[in-house]
Amino acid sequence: QLNGLGTPGVFPPLAGSEYALAANVEVPIRILTHGIQGPITVKGVEYNSVMPAYGIGIGMSDSEVAAVLTYVRTSWGNSASVVTAKDVEEAKEHASGVSGAMTAELLKPLMSKKGREER
């Protein structure tokens, strides 16, 4: 939604989302570039829906992916670090063998990493 609050019971919020604001920017990069499906708990509420990869059928440059995620990470009261095109490039390299949508379970190991310096 325009206010970052999602749709209660259907789509989780981006405002205050531990996934959108993860210290390891690879988490939101993978969500945006691969999509996500299945159960996920955001801000203590469980959701179970599907978000397709952003830009399906439309080629997005690493700079464009970085711009979208920087907007999400700095809007609606969010104050996480910016995402750079280099971050996106590196995340894609790390996920080169990954196919299909992300799940909360697949993202769990990335959530425990502190940030760029640990990738």
C-alpha atoms as a PDB file:
ATOM      1  CA  GLN A   1       0.000   0.000   0.000  1.00  0.00           C
ATOM      2  CA  LEU A   2       1.056   3.605  -0.448  1.00  0.00           C
ATOM      3  CA  ASN A   3       1.494   3.996   3.305  1.00  0.00           C
ATOM      4  CA  GLY A   4       3.770   0.965   3.662  1.00  0.00           C
ATOM      5  CA  LEU A   5       1.318  -0.795   5.966  1.00  0.00           C
ATOM      6  CA  GLY A   6       0.470  -3.691   3.647  1.00  0.00           C
ATOM      7  CA  THR A   7      -2.938  -5.335   3.690  1.00  0.00           C
ATOM      8  CA  PRO A   8      -3.861  -6.819   7.082  1.00  0.00           C
ATOM      9  CA  GLY A   9      -4.125 -10.590   6.917  1.00  0.00           C
ATOM     10  CA  VAL A  10      -2.960 -10.701   3.286  1.00  0.00           C
ATOM     11  CA  PHE A  11       0.285  -8.800   2.585  1.00  0.00           C
ATOM     12  CA  PRO A  12       2.797  -7.827   5.279  1.00  0.00           C
ATOM     13  CA  PRO A  13       3.820  -4.226   5.883  1.00  0.00           C
ATOM     14  CA  LEU A  14       7.043  -2.733   4.570  1.00  0.00           C
ATOM     15  CA  ALA A  15       7.024  -0.088   7.313  1.00  0.00           C
ATOM     16  CA  GLY A  16       9.048  -1.573  10.153  1.00  0.00           C
ATOM     17  CA  SER A  17       9.457  -4.951   8.431  1.00  0.00           C
ATOM     18  CA  GLU A  18      12.408  -6.872   9.787  1.00  0.00           C
ATOM     19  CA  TYR A  19      12.940  -8.321   6.292  1.00  0.00           C
ATOM     20  CA  ALA A  20      12.892  -4.994   4.439  1.00  0.00           C
ATOM     21  CA  LEU A  21      15.157  -3.442   7.084  1.00  0.00           C
ATOM     22  CA  ALA A  22      17.528  -6.386   7.546  1.00  0.00           C
ATOM     23  CA  ALA A  23      21.125  -5.419   8.329  1.00  0.00           C
ATOM     24  CA  ASN A  24      22.160  -7.818   5.577  1.00  0.00           C
ATOM     25  CA  VAL A  25      20.841  -6.077   2.446  1.00  0.00           C
ATOM     26  CA  GLU A  26      20.947  -9.396   0.618  1.00  0.00           C
ATOM     27  CA  VAL A  27      17.639 -10.272   2.342  1.00  0.00           C
ATOM     28  CA  PRO A  28      15.484  -7.584   0.696  1.00  0.00           C
ATOM     29  CA  ILE A  29      17.453  -7.911  -2.553  1.00  0.00           C
ATOM     30  CA  ARG A  30      16.602 -11.604  -2.775  1.00  0.00           C
ATOM     31  CA  ILE A  31      12.968 -10.954  -1.911  1.00  0.00           C
ATOM     32  CA  LEU A  32      12.664  -8.317  -4.623  1.00  0.00           C
ATOM     33  CA  THR A  33      14.553 -10.235  -7.308  1.00  0.00           C
ATOM     34  CA  HIS A  34      13.189 -13.738  -6.574  1.00  0.00           C
ATOM     35  CA  GLY A  35       9.832 -13.028  -4.942  1.00  0.00           C
ATOM     36  CA  ILE A  36       8.702 -14.734  -1.750  1.00  0.00           C
ATOM     37  CA  GLN A  37       6.018 -17.255  -0.885  1.00  0.00           C
ATOM     38  CA  GLY A  38       4.739 -19.245   2.044  1.00  0.00           C
ATOM     39  CA  PRO A  39       4.408 -18.446   5.712  1.00  0.00           C
ATOM     40  CA  ILE A  40       6.344 -15.476   7.037  1.00  0.00           C
ATOM     41  CA  THR A  41       6.057 -13.587  10.309  1.00  0.00           C
ATOM     42  CA  VAL A  42       6.457  -9.824  10.067  1.00  0.00           C
ATOM     43  CA  LYS A  43       6.206  -7.636  13.164  1.00  0.00           C
ATOM     44  CA  GLY A  44       4.767 -10.591  15.095  1.00  0.00           C
ATOM     45  CA  VAL A  45       1.960 -11.337  12.617  1.00  0.00           C
ATOM     46  CA  GLU A  46       2.000 -14.406  10.356  1.00  0.00           C
ATOM     47  CA  TYR A  47       1.176 -14.045   6.666  1.00  0.00           C
ATOM     48  CA  ASN A  48       0.971 -16.715   3.991  1.00  0.00           C
ATOM     49  CA  SER A  49       0.790 -15.304   0.499  1.00  0.00           C
ATOM     50  CA  VAL A  50       2.851 -14.904  -2.652  1.00  0.00           C
ATOM     51  CA  MET A  51       4.828 -11.906  -3.874  1.00  0.00           C
ATOM     52  CA  PRO A  52       6.193 -12.468  -7.375  1.00  0.00           C
ATOM     53  CA  ALA A  53       9.639 -11.253  -8.284  1.00  0.00           C
ATOM     54  CA  TYR A  54       9.448  -7.526  -8.945  1.00  0.00           C
ATOM     55  CA  GLY A  55       9.661  -6.488 -12.566  1.00  0.00           C
ATOM     56  CA  ILE A  56       8.740  -9.848 -14.128  1.00  0.00           C
ATOM     57  CA  GLY A  57       8.929  -9.387 -17.866  1.00  0.00           C
ATOM     58  CA  ILE A  58      10.693  -6.059 -17.408  1.00  0.00           C
ATOM     59  CA  GLY A  59      14.450  -6.036 -17.185  1.00  0.00           C
ATOM     60  CA  MET A  60      15.602  -4.085 -14.135  1.00  0.00           C
ATOM     61  CA  SER A  61      19.163  -2.885 -13.812  1.00  0.00           C
ATOM     62  CA  ASP A  62      21.040  -3.325 -10.542  1.00  0.00           C
ATOM     63  CA  SER A  63      20.725   0.452 -10.061  1.00  0.00           C
ATOM     64  CA  GLU A  64      16.946   0.278 -10.434  1.00  0.00           C
ATOM     65  CA  VAL A  65      16.666  -2.586  -7.920  1.00  0.00           C
ATOM     66  CA  ALA A  66      18.879  -0.608  -5.535  1.00  0.00           C
ATOM     67  CA  ALA A  67      16.708   2.501  -5.944  1.00  0.00           C
ATOM     68  CA  VAL A  68      13.477   0.602  -5.190  1.00  0.00           C
ATOM     69  CA  LEU A  69      14.961  -0.973  -2.076  1.00  0.00           C
ATOM     70  CA  THR A  70      16.531   2.256  -0.874  1.00  0.00           C
ATOM     71  CA  TYR A  71      13.093   3.867  -1.157  1.00  0.00           C
ATOM     72  CA  VAL A  72      11.517   1.065   0.898  1.00  0.00           C
ATOM     73  CA  ARG A  73      14.301   1.154   3.494  1.00  0.00           C
ATOM     74  CA  THR A  74      14.064   4.953   3.969  1.00  0.00           C
ATOM     75  CA  SER A  75      10.294   5.579   3.701  1.00  0.00           C
ATOM     76  CA  TRP A  76       7.334   5.312   6.124  1.00  0.00           C
ATOM     77  CA  GLY A  77       9.556   5.944   9.136  1.00  0.00           C
ATOM     78  CA  ASN A  78      12.117   3.330   8.076  1.00  0.00           C
ATOM     79  CA  SER A  79      15.730   4.383   8.527  1.00  0.00           C
ATOM     80  CA  ALA A  80      17.859   1.496   7.242  1.00  0.00           C
ATOM     81  CA  SER A  81      20.960   1.801   5.089  1.00  0.00           C
ATOM     82  CA  VAL A  82      20.756   2.498   1.385  1.00  0.00           C
ATOM     83  CA  VAL A  83      21.208  -0.310  -1.136  1.00  0.00           C
ATOM     84  CA  THR A  84      23.780   0.173  -3.874  1.00  0.00           C
ATOM     85  CA  ALA A  85      24.023  -1.325  -7.345  1.00  0.00           C
ATOM     86  CA  LYS A  86      27.167  -3.107  -6.123  1.00  0.00           C
ATOM     87  CA  ASP A  87      25.132  -4.677  -3.281  1.00  0.00           C
ATOM     88  CA  VAL A  88      22.635  -5.964  -5.853  1.00  0.00           C
ATOM     89  CA  GLU A  89      25.373  -7.297  -8.124  1.00  0.00           C
ATOM     90  CA  GLU A  90      27.028  -9.155  -5.222  1.00  0.00           C
ATOM     91  CA  ALA A  91      23.724 -10.555  -3.952  1.00  0.00           C
ATOM     92  CA  LYS A  92      22.902 -11.874  -7.420  1.00  0.00           C
ATOM     93  CA  GLU A  93      26.309 -13.570  -7.562  1.00  0.00           C
ATOM     94  CA  HIS A  94      25.705 -15.214  -4.172  1.00  0.00           C
ATOM     95  CA  ALA A  95      22.279 -16.403  -5.312  1.00  0.00           C
ATOM     96  CA  SER A  96      23.353 -17.557  -8.771  1.00  0.00           C
ATOM     97  CA  GLY A  97      22.366 -21.155  -7.971  1.00  0.00           C
ATOM     98  CA  VAL A  98      19.039 -20.184  -6.413  1.00  0.00           C
ATOM     99  CA  SER A  99      15.890 -20.610  -8.448  1.00  0.00           C
ATOM    100  CA  GLY A 100      12.304 -19.895  -7.592  1.00  0.00           C
ATOM    101  CA  ALA A 101      10.819 -17.783  -4.869  1.00  0.00           C
ATOM    102  CA  MET A 102      12.353 -17.185  -1.480  1.00  0.00           C
ATOM    103  CA  THR A 103      10.767 -18.457   1.717  1.00  0.00           C
ATOM    104  CA  ALA A 104      11.239 -17.304   5.298  1.00  0.00           C
ATOM    105  CA  GLU A 105      13.153 -20.541   5.902  1.00  0.00           C
ATOM    106  CA  LEU A 106      15.582 -19.842   3.037  1.00  0.00           C
ATOM    107  CA  LEU A 107      16.138 -16.297   4.298  1.00  0.00           C
ATOM    108  CA  LYS A 108      16.715 -17.283   7.942  1.00  0.00           C
ATOM    109  CA  PRO A 109      20.504 -17.841   7.578  1.00  0.00           C
ATOM    110  CA  LEU A 110      20.859 -14.448   5.853  1.00  0.00           C
ATOM    111  CA  MET A 111      18.855 -12.701   8.590  1.00  0.00           C
ATOM    112  CA  SER A 112      21.441 -13.727  11.170  1.00  0.00           C
ATOM    113  CA  LYS A 113      24.291 -12.025   9.301  1.00  0.00           C
ATOM    114  CA  LYS A 114      25.107  -8.506  10.411  1.00  0.00           C
ATOM    115  CA  GLY A 115      25.574  -6.732   7.124  1.00  0.00           C
ATOM    116  CA  ARG A 116      27.735  -6.038   4.130  1.00  0.00           C
ATOM    117  CA  GLU A 117      30.996  -6.896   5.867  1.00  0.00           C
ATOM    118  CA  GLU A 118      29.876 -10.493   6.488  1.00  0.00           C
ATOM    119  CA  ARG A 119      28.849 -11.325   2.919  1.00  0.00           C
END
